[in-house]
Protein backbone atom coordinates (compact mmCIF):
# COMPACT_ATOMS: atom_id res chain seq x y z
CA MET A 1 156.70 109.07 149.27
CA SER A 2 154.20 106.53 148.00
CA ALA A 3 155.13 102.90 147.72
CA THR A 4 155.33 103.05 143.96
CA THR A 5 157.08 106.39 143.49
CA PRO A 6 160.63 105.97 142.16
CA GLN A 7 163.35 107.49 144.28
CA PRO A 8 165.13 110.38 142.59
CA ASP A 9 168.48 109.92 140.92
CA SER A 10 169.88 113.30 141.87
CA SER A 11 173.55 112.59 141.11
CA PRO A 12 175.38 110.52 138.52
CA SER A 13 175.29 107.46 140.73
CA GLY A 14 172.12 108.26 142.65
CA THR A 15 174.05 108.70 145.93
CA SER A 16 173.50 111.27 148.67
CA GLN A 17 175.38 112.74 151.63
CA PRO A 18 175.99 110.27 154.48
CA ASP A 19 174.09 110.41 157.76
CA PRO A 20 176.74 110.75 160.52
CA ALA A 21 174.43 109.01 163.01
CA GLY A 22 175.33 105.66 161.44
CA LEU A 23 178.49 103.64 161.99
CA LYS A 24 181.38 104.23 159.59
CA PHE A 25 184.16 101.88 158.49
CA GLY A 26 186.58 103.26 155.94
CA PRO A 27 184.49 104.41 152.93
CA LEU A 28 181.40 102.55 154.19
CA TRP A 29 178.51 104.30 155.93
CA PHE A 30 175.90 102.15 157.66
CA THR A 31 172.25 102.71 158.50
CA PRO A 32 171.69 104.30 161.93
CA GLY A 33 170.59 101.70 164.48
CA TYR A 34 172.81 98.87 163.21
CA SER A 35 175.52 97.57 165.57
CA TRP A 36 178.85 95.99 164.68
CA THR A 37 177.40 92.63 165.72
CA ASN A 38 174.54 93.10 163.25
CA LEU A 39 176.95 93.99 160.45
CA ILE A 40 179.37 91.11 161.11
CA THR A 41 176.43 88.70 161.24
CA THR A 42 175.17 90.10 157.94
CA ASN A 43 178.38 89.18 156.14
CA PHE A 44 178.67 85.84 157.94
CA ALA A 45 175.09 84.99 156.93
CA SER A 46 175.87 85.82 153.30
CA PHE A 47 178.95 83.58 153.37
CA CYS A 48 176.92 80.68 154.73
CA THR A 49 173.85 81.25 152.54
CA ILE A 50 175.70 81.09 149.25
CA CYS A 51 177.73 78.12 150.49
CA ALA A 52 174.54 76.20 151.33
CA LEU A 53 172.86 77.19 148.07
CA THR A 54 175.65 76.25 145.70
CA PHE A 55 176.52 72.89 147.25
CA MET A 56 173.12 71.44 146.38
CA GLY A 57 173.46 71.97 142.64
CA PHE A 58 177.17 71.20 142.61
CA ALA A 59 177.02 67.88 144.49
CA GLN A 60 173.74 66.62 143.06
CA PRO A 61 175.46 64.68 140.23
CA TYR A 62 177.11 62.58 142.93
CA ILE A 63 173.69 61.59 144.30
CA LEU A 64 172.37 60.83 140.81
CA THR A 65 175.39 58.73 139.86
CA GLU A 66 176.46 56.94 143.04
CA ILE A 67 173.28 56.66 145.14
CA LEU A 68 170.33 56.60 142.72
CA GLN A 69 172.45 55.33 139.79
CA ILE A 70 170.46 57.23 137.17
CA PRO A 71 171.82 56.49 133.66
CA GLU A 72 174.13 59.20 132.33
CA GLU A 73 172.00 59.85 129.26
CA ARG A 74 169.07 60.85 131.51
CA GLN A 75 170.97 62.97 134.02
CA GLY A 76 170.88 66.25 132.10
CA MET A 77 167.13 66.13 131.56
CA PHE A 78 166.41 64.96 135.12
CA THR A 79 168.68 67.63 136.61
CA GLY A 80 166.95 70.35 134.60
CA ASN A 81 163.46 69.11 135.43
CA LEU A 82 164.25 68.72 139.13
CA ALA A 83 165.71 72.20 139.42
CA ALA A 84 162.83 73.70 137.42
CA ALA A 85 160.23 72.03 139.66
CA ALA A 86 162.04 73.33 142.74
CA GLU A 87 162.18 76.87 141.37
CA ILE A 88 158.49 76.88 140.46
CA PHE A 89 157.71 75.77 144.01
CA GLN A 90 160.07 78.43 145.36
CA MET A 91 158.30 81.13 143.34
CA LEU A 92 155.08 80.31 145.18
CA VAL A 93 156.59 81.26 148.55
CA VAL A 94 159.37 83.76 147.93
CA GLY A 95 157.11 86.80 147.53
CA PHE A 96 155.27 85.89 150.72
CA PHE A 97 158.51 85.65 152.69
CA GLY A 98 159.71 89.02 151.36
CA ALA A 99 156.46 90.79 152.23
CA TRP A 100 156.24 89.02 155.60
CA SER A 101 159.75 90.16 156.51
CA ASP A 102 158.72 93.79 155.94
CA ARG A 103 156.36 93.30 158.89
CA THR A 104 158.20 90.93 161.22
CA GLY A 105 161.81 91.77 160.42
CA ARG A 106 164.38 89.71 158.53
CA ARG A 107 165.74 87.64 161.42
CA LEU A 108 162.91 85.12 161.90
CA VAL A 109 162.48 84.43 158.18
CA PHE A 110 166.24 83.96 157.78
CA GLY A 111 166.30 81.42 160.60
CA ILE A 112 163.41 79.47 159.09
CA GLY A 113 165.26 79.29 155.79
CA PHE A 114 168.33 77.69 157.35
CA ALA A 115 166.25 75.21 159.34
CA LEU A 116 164.73 74.01 156.07
CA PHE A 117 168.18 73.84 154.46
CA ALA A 118 169.41 71.60 157.27
CA LEU A 119 166.41 69.28 157.01
CA SER A 120 166.77 68.94 153.24
CA TYR A 121 170.49 68.19 153.38
CA PHE A 122 169.87 65.54 156.02
CA LEU A 123 167.19 63.79 153.95
CA TYR A 124 168.66 64.19 150.45
CA PRO A 125 171.23 61.35 150.49
CA LEU A 126 168.63 59.01 152.04
CA ALA A 127 166.49 59.10 148.89
CA THR A 128 165.80 55.68 147.40
CA SER A 129 163.88 56.86 144.33
CA GLU A 130 163.57 59.82 142.02
CA GLY A 131 160.23 60.72 143.62
CA GLU A 132 161.80 60.94 147.10
CA LEU A 133 164.59 63.11 145.75
CA VAL A 134 162.02 65.52 144.28
CA ALA A 135 160.19 65.73 147.64
CA TYR A 136 163.39 66.51 149.53
CA ARG A 137 164.40 69.08 146.93
CA LEU A 138 161.07 70.87 147.42
CA ILE A 139 161.89 71.27 151.13
CA PHE A 140 165.13 72.90 150.04
CA ALA A 141 163.13 75.09 147.64
CA VAL A 142 161.05 76.54 150.49
CA GLY A 143 164.28 77.36 152.31
CA CYS A 144 165.49 79.07 149.14
CA GLY A 145 162.32 81.16 149.23
CA ALA A 146 163.38 82.52 152.61
CA ALA A 147 167.15 82.62 153.20
CA PRO A 148 168.50 84.20 149.96
CA VAL A 149 165.80 86.90 149.97
CA MET A 150 166.66 87.76 153.55
CA MET A 151 170.36 87.82 152.68
CA SER A 152 169.69 90.47 150.03
CA ALA A 153 167.27 92.43 152.20
CA VAL A 154 169.57 92.53 155.23
CA VAL A 155 172.48 93.74 153.10
CA GLN A 156 170.36 96.46 151.48
CA ASP A 157 168.85 97.56 154.81
CA SER A 158 172.15 97.95 156.61
CA VAL A 159 173.92 100.46 154.35
CA GLN A 160 173.45 104.11 153.44
CA GLU A 161 172.98 105.09 149.81
CA VAL A 162 176.34 106.81 149.51
CA SER A 163 178.20 103.50 149.83
CA ARG A 164 175.62 100.96 148.62
CA GLY A 165 177.76 99.74 145.72
CA LYS A 166 180.89 99.31 147.84
CA TRP A 167 178.96 97.52 150.61
CA LEU A 168 177.34 95.11 148.18
CA ALA A 169 180.82 94.49 146.77
CA VAL A 170 182.22 93.74 150.24
CA ASN A 171 179.29 91.42 150.85
CA SER A 172 179.89 89.75 147.49
CA ILE A 173 183.47 89.11 148.56
CA CYS A 174 182.02 87.25 151.54
CA THR A 175 179.73 85.24 149.27
CA ALA A 176 182.65 84.51 146.93
CA PHE A 177 184.59 83.14 149.88
CA GLY A 178 181.51 81.06 150.69
CA VAL A 179 181.51 79.53 147.21
CA ILE A 180 185.26 78.99 147.31
CA PHE A 181 184.91 77.30 150.72
CA MET A 182 182.21 75.08 149.25
CA ALA A 183 184.35 74.19 146.24
CA LEU A 184 187.55 73.57 148.20
CA PHE A 185 186.05 71.82 151.23
CA PHE A 186 182.47 70.60 150.89
CA ALA A 187 182.88 69.57 147.22
CA ARG A 188 185.92 67.48 148.14
CA LEU A 189 184.33 65.67 151.07
CA PRO A 190 183.13 62.63 149.06
CA ASP A 191 186.59 62.19 147.52
CA ILE A 192 188.28 62.59 150.92
CA LEU A 193 185.95 60.06 152.55
CA VAL A 194 186.32 57.55 149.72
CA ALA A 195 190.11 57.86 150.04
CA ARG A 196 189.76 57.01 153.73
CA GLY A 197 187.98 53.77 152.97
CA PHE A 198 184.29 54.66 152.96
CA ASP A 199 182.14 53.29 150.15
CA ALA A 200 180.68 55.79 147.66
CA VAL A 201 177.16 55.79 149.15
CA THR A 202 178.34 56.32 152.74
CA ALA A 203 180.79 59.02 151.68
CA GLY A 204 178.00 60.92 149.92
CA ARG A 205 175.71 60.69 152.93
CA TYR A 206 178.35 61.89 155.39
CA ALA A 207 179.20 64.80 153.11
CA PHE A 208 175.57 65.94 152.92
CA TRP A 209 175.08 65.47 156.66
CA THR A 210 178.14 67.62 157.33
CA VAL A 211 176.48 70.41 155.37
CA ALA A 212 173.23 69.82 157.30
CA GLY A 213 175.10 70.42 160.56
CA PHE A 214 176.71 73.52 159.09
CA CYS A 215 173.26 74.91 158.23
CA THR A 216 171.92 74.19 161.72
CA VAL A 217 174.73 76.07 163.44
CA THR A 218 174.44 78.95 160.97
CA GLY A 219 170.71 79.33 161.64
CA VAL A 220 171.30 79.61 165.39
CA LEU A 221 174.02 82.26 164.95
CA ILE A 222 171.87 84.27 162.54
CA MET A 223 168.98 84.33 164.99
CA ALA A 224 171.34 85.57 167.71
CA GLY A 225 173.19 88.24 165.73
CA LEU A 226 170.85 89.96 163.28
CA ARG A 227 168.99 93.18 164.05
CA ARG A 228 165.54 92.64 165.55
CA GLY A 229 162.30 94.23 164.39
CA ALA A 230 161.02 95.65 161.11
CA THR A 231 163.28 98.06 159.20
CA ALA A 232 160.57 100.64 158.43
CA PRO A 233 157.05 99.67 159.62
CA ASP A 234 154.33 100.48 157.07
CA PRO A 235 151.55 102.63 158.62
CA ASP A 236 149.12 101.56 155.86
CA LYS A 237 149.06 97.97 157.23
CA VAL A 238 147.80 96.45 154.00
CA SER A 239 147.60 92.69 153.63
CA ILE A 240 150.73 90.75 152.72
CA TRP A 241 149.26 89.93 149.31
CA ALA A 242 148.44 93.60 148.66
CA GLN A 243 152.00 94.41 149.69
CA LEU A 244 153.26 91.89 147.16
CA GLY A 245 151.14 93.60 144.50
CA ARG A 246 153.02 96.82 145.20
CA GLY A 247 156.29 95.09 144.41
CA ILE A 248 154.90 94.06 141.02
CA GLN A 249 153.32 97.42 140.24
CA ILE A 250 156.50 99.37 140.91
CA ALA A 251 158.17 97.77 137.89
CA ARG A 252 155.48 99.30 135.69
CA ASP A 253 155.93 102.73 137.27
CA ASN A 254 159.74 102.66 137.31
CA PRO A 255 161.39 101.05 134.23
CA ARG A 256 164.76 101.02 136.02
CA ILE A 257 163.35 98.47 138.47
CA ALA A 258 161.91 96.56 135.51
CA VAL A 259 165.43 96.29 134.07
CA ALA A 260 166.74 95.23 137.49
CA TYR A 261 164.08 92.51 137.60
CA GLY A 262 165.25 91.39 134.16
CA ALA A 263 168.82 91.28 135.45
CA ALA A 264 167.65 89.11 138.37
CA PHE A 265 166.09 86.71 135.84
CA ILE A 266 169.35 86.46 133.93
CA GLY A 267 171.81 86.79 136.83
CA ARG A 268 170.33 83.96 138.92
CA GLY A 269 170.09 81.86 135.78
CA ASP A 270 173.77 82.58 135.14
CA LEU A 271 174.78 81.33 138.57
CA VAL A 272 172.79 78.11 138.37
CA ILE A 273 174.16 77.35 134.92
CA ILE A 274 177.64 77.42 136.44
CA THR A 275 176.83 75.41 139.57
CA THR A 276 174.59 72.84 137.87
CA PHE A 277 175.96 72.24 134.40
CA LEU A 278 179.67 72.86 134.95
CA SER A 279 179.88 69.97 137.42
CA LEU A 280 177.66 67.74 135.24
CA TRP A 281 179.84 68.53 132.21
CA ALA A 282 182.96 67.66 134.22
CA VAL A 283 181.51 64.36 135.48
CA GLN A 284 180.62 63.29 131.93
CA VAL A 285 184.03 64.30 130.55
CA GLY A 286 185.59 62.39 133.44
CA ALA A 287 183.56 59.28 132.60
CA ALA A 288 184.66 59.48 128.96
CA ASN A 289 188.30 59.63 130.09
CA ASP A 290 188.10 56.95 132.80
CA ILE A 291 188.18 59.46 135.66
CA GLY A 292 186.04 58.56 138.68
CA THR A 293 183.01 60.65 139.65
CA ALA A 294 184.56 61.97 142.86
CA ALA A 295 187.84 62.86 141.09
CA ALA A 296 186.00 64.63 138.23
CA LEU A 297 183.92 66.57 140.76
CA LYS A 298 187.14 67.63 142.45
CA LYS A 299 188.51 68.92 139.10
CA ALA A 300 185.28 70.81 138.49
CA GLY A 301 185.62 72.30 141.96
CA MET A 302 189.02 73.69 141.01
CA LEU A 303 187.62 75.33 137.85
CA PHE A 304 184.66 76.59 139.84
CA GLY A 305 187.15 78.06 142.30
CA VAL A 306 188.75 80.01 139.42
CA VAL A 307 185.34 81.44 138.49
CA GLN A 308 184.59 82.52 142.04
CA GLY A 309 188.14 83.63 142.79
CA THR A 310 187.99 86.02 139.86
CA ALA A 311 184.56 87.18 141.02
CA LEU A 312 186.09 87.83 144.43
CA LEU A 313 188.85 90.03 142.99
CA TRP A 314 186.52 91.88 140.62
CA SER A 315 183.61 92.46 143.00
CA TYR A 316 184.96 95.56 144.73
CA VAL A 317 185.89 97.07 141.36
CA ILE A 318 182.33 96.77 140.07
CA GLY A 319 181.08 98.09 143.42
CA LEU A 320 183.23 101.21 143.05
CA ILE A 321 182.05 101.60 139.47
CA SER A 322 178.41 101.37 140.62
CA ASP A 323 178.97 104.18 143.15
CA ARG A 324 180.80 106.43 140.66
CA MET A 325 178.57 106.26 137.58
CA ASN A 326 174.87 106.08 136.88
CA ARG A 327 173.75 102.72 138.21
CA LEU A 328 171.85 101.78 135.08
CA THR A 329 175.03 102.37 133.06
CA ALA A 330 176.98 100.19 135.51
CA LEU A 331 174.46 97.39 135.00
CA ALA A 332 174.81 97.66 131.21
CA LEU A 333 178.59 97.33 131.61
CA GLY A 334 178.17 94.23 133.78
CA LEU A 335 175.85 92.64 131.25
CA ALA A 336 178.37 93.27 128.48
CA ILE A 337 181.10 91.46 130.44
CA ALA A 338 178.73 88.57 131.19
CA THR A 339 177.84 88.31 127.50
CA LEU A 340 181.50 87.75 126.65
CA GLY A 341 182.11 85.35 129.54
CA TYR A 342 179.20 83.00 129.01
CA SER A 343 179.54 83.00 125.25
CA GLY A 344 183.25 82.19 125.56
CA MET A 345 182.65 79.26 127.90
CA GLY A 346 179.84 77.98 125.71
CA LEU A 347 182.15 77.74 122.70
CA LEU A 348 184.65 75.47 124.48
CA ALA A 349 184.84 71.77 123.65
CA ASP A 350 186.52 70.65 126.90
CA PRO A 351 186.08 72.27 130.35
CA PHE A 352 189.53 71.00 131.38
CA ALA A 353 191.40 72.51 128.43
CA GLY A 354 193.92 75.27 129.12
CA ILE A 355 191.74 77.92 127.44
CA ALA A 356 189.04 77.17 130.01
CA ILE A 357 190.96 79.12 132.67
CA PRO A 358 190.73 82.58 131.00
CA ALA A 359 187.15 81.76 129.97
CA ALA A 360 186.35 80.93 133.61
CA MET A 361 187.93 84.20 134.76
CA LEU A 362 185.81 86.25 132.36
CA LEU A 363 182.80 84.22 133.46
CA GLY A 364 183.45 85.15 137.08
CA MET A 365 183.77 88.83 136.24
CA GLY A 366 180.49 88.79 134.32
CA GLU A 367 178.58 86.82 136.93
CA ILE A 368 179.51 89.11 139.83
CA SER A 369 179.10 92.29 137.77
CA VAL A 370 175.46 91.55 136.96
CA LEU A 371 174.63 90.44 140.51
CA ILE A 372 176.16 93.50 142.18
CA ALA A 373 175.03 96.11 139.65
CA ALA A 374 171.46 94.80 139.62
CA GLY A 375 171.40 94.66 143.43
CA VAL A 376 172.66 98.23 143.73
CA LEU A 377 170.09 99.47 141.22
CA VAL A 378 167.13 97.78 142.89
CA GLY A 379 168.35 98.80 146.36
CA GLN A 380 168.58 102.43 145.26
CA ASP A 381 165.17 102.61 143.59
CA ALA A 382 163.09 100.43 145.95
CA PRO A 383 161.17 102.44 148.59
CA ILE A 384 162.38 101.40 152.04
CA ARG A 385 158.91 100.53 153.40
CA ILE A 386 158.48 97.79 150.80
CA ARG A 387 162.12 96.94 150.18
CA GLY A 388 161.65 93.37 151.36
CA THR A 389 158.67 93.04 149.04
CA VAL A 390 160.58 94.44 146.05
CA ILE A 391 163.49 92.12 146.79
CA GLY A 392 160.96 89.29 147.06
CA VAL A 393 159.69 90.04 143.55
CA PHE A 394 163.31 90.47 142.45
CA SER A 395 163.89 86.94 143.77
CA ILE A 396 160.77 85.64 142.03
CA MET A 397 162.28 86.88 138.79
CA GLY A 398 165.50 85.16 139.76
CA SER A 399 163.62 81.93 140.40
CA ALA A 400 161.90 82.26 137.04
CA GLY A 401 165.32 82.71 135.47
CA ILE A 402 166.62 79.60 137.22
CA THR A 403 163.56 77.64 136.09
CA PHE A 404 164.14 78.73 132.52
CA ALA A 405 167.89 78.19 132.64
CA THR A 406 167.74 74.74 134.19
CA PHE A 407 164.79 73.42 132.18
CA VAL A 408 165.86 74.76 128.78
CA GLY A 409 169.52 74.35 129.70
CA GLY A 410 168.98 70.68 130.56
CA ILE A 411 167.38 70.04 127.20
CA ALA A 412 170.14 71.96 125.41
CA PHE A 413 172.80 70.08 127.39
CA ASP A 414 171.46 66.68 126.31
CA ARG A 415 170.43 67.50 122.74
CA ILE A 416 172.97 70.10 121.59
CA GLY A 417 176.01 69.77 123.83
CA PRO A 418 177.46 70.67 127.26
CA GLY A 419 178.39 74.20 126.17
CA ALA A 420 174.89 75.07 124.94
CA PRO A 421 173.48 76.28 128.31
CA PHE A 422 176.40 78.73 128.65
CA LEU A 423 175.97 80.05 125.12
CA MET A 424 172.24 80.50 125.76
CA MET A 425 172.93 82.70 128.79
CA GLY A 426 175.45 84.73 126.81
CA ILE A 427 172.73 85.59 124.29
CA LEU A 428 170.27 86.59 127.04
CA ASN A 429 172.84 88.82 128.76
CA GLY A 430 173.49 90.56 125.45
CA ALA A 431 169.79 91.18 124.85
CA LEU A 432 169.25 92.77 128.28
CA MET A 433 172.40 94.86 127.84
CA LEU A 434 170.86 96.42 124.72
CA ALA A 435 167.63 97.14 126.64
CA ALA A 436 169.58 98.84 129.47
CA VAL A 437 171.53 100.98 126.99
CA TRP A 438 168.29 101.98 125.26
CA LEU A 439 166.66 103.01 128.57
CA ARG A 440 169.72 105.00 129.65
CA ARG A 441 169.81 106.88 126.36
CA LYS A 442 166.10 107.59 126.74
CA GLU A 443 166.72 109.05 130.24
CA LEU A 444 169.41 111.36 128.87
CA LYS A 445 167.14 112.89 126.21
């Protein structure tokens, strides 16, 4: 099979018969050659990766308010611009890391990503100016070009096609626990430390340094536990940049991958809207109601926990759906749920109102549905020899989505209102849903 030839979709879900040479756990069949240690490390790495990723956006308002003391009226714009700059920088390296991992294996690149996370978290609360904060965020951006791509690639590599949807769902449960752990523990650290007598600046620094230590330990364990070597060495031995070109070309040859790339653009944008603007919205509502920054962040963490708790409960359901129906149809369903969730949250006036709870639940269902369904689709259709490359391009599209969501979302947050970024993502999810439905109907003709 050539690198750009789409894999056949021979059954309603695109699945095949399992290979009995691989390990089996319940309904899950794993790729031959993977040990239980490799598989446990895969889920542990996913838990830690999403925890490290989400804390940066969630806790950044604390740095802006308590350490750099940036005026509230500038925080939305600065947050959007900072995140957009980081994502643009990340896009410059993410494709390289994906293609490089196809040659060297995922383990080394994953470890590099966590080393950069640890360095960034150590330096971030030491910033004394906006320029320093940007520099430290760019270090984090390079780590984001490595670790999340490897998380996706390792998960896709380790499972057989017959249970890809269920395995991605199990892995998403691990990532949901990672976000919940972040919201219930890391997000509360500044408030806990302030309550114990530390000043606001010291509390913020100790919280970030705790996460830096967490990233260091995680990197060591990942290097020890992941499978060594390349998944499927490419006999053509083209250059890394030519390999990256294959990942771009395949979207032209296979429109299903093009839709998956579009879902990456929207799905990653969805996630950053929640992590970045939900906490910023909460901090500003807290300030208007004489609630301290740390206490408001704690409240936002509870609402964020509702979003991710719902995602946790729904993830296996959407995984089963993805293995039982055509995977393009499953993605269209996920996009429809996300359209309702983000639009509903965007229409709220107060994130702490009672109606915010059901809106947050629908938001969690939509977020996880798009992420899992898009991942299953791209994992099914990406040729194994360039899977890391395809996932690298998939991540570039995700970075582009984050850049768009944070930059435009920051402007909308300041000029229209806190709910505007959520409403914007609801509209985008609806547009891609219509495109997925159109493509599926075209395939059935």
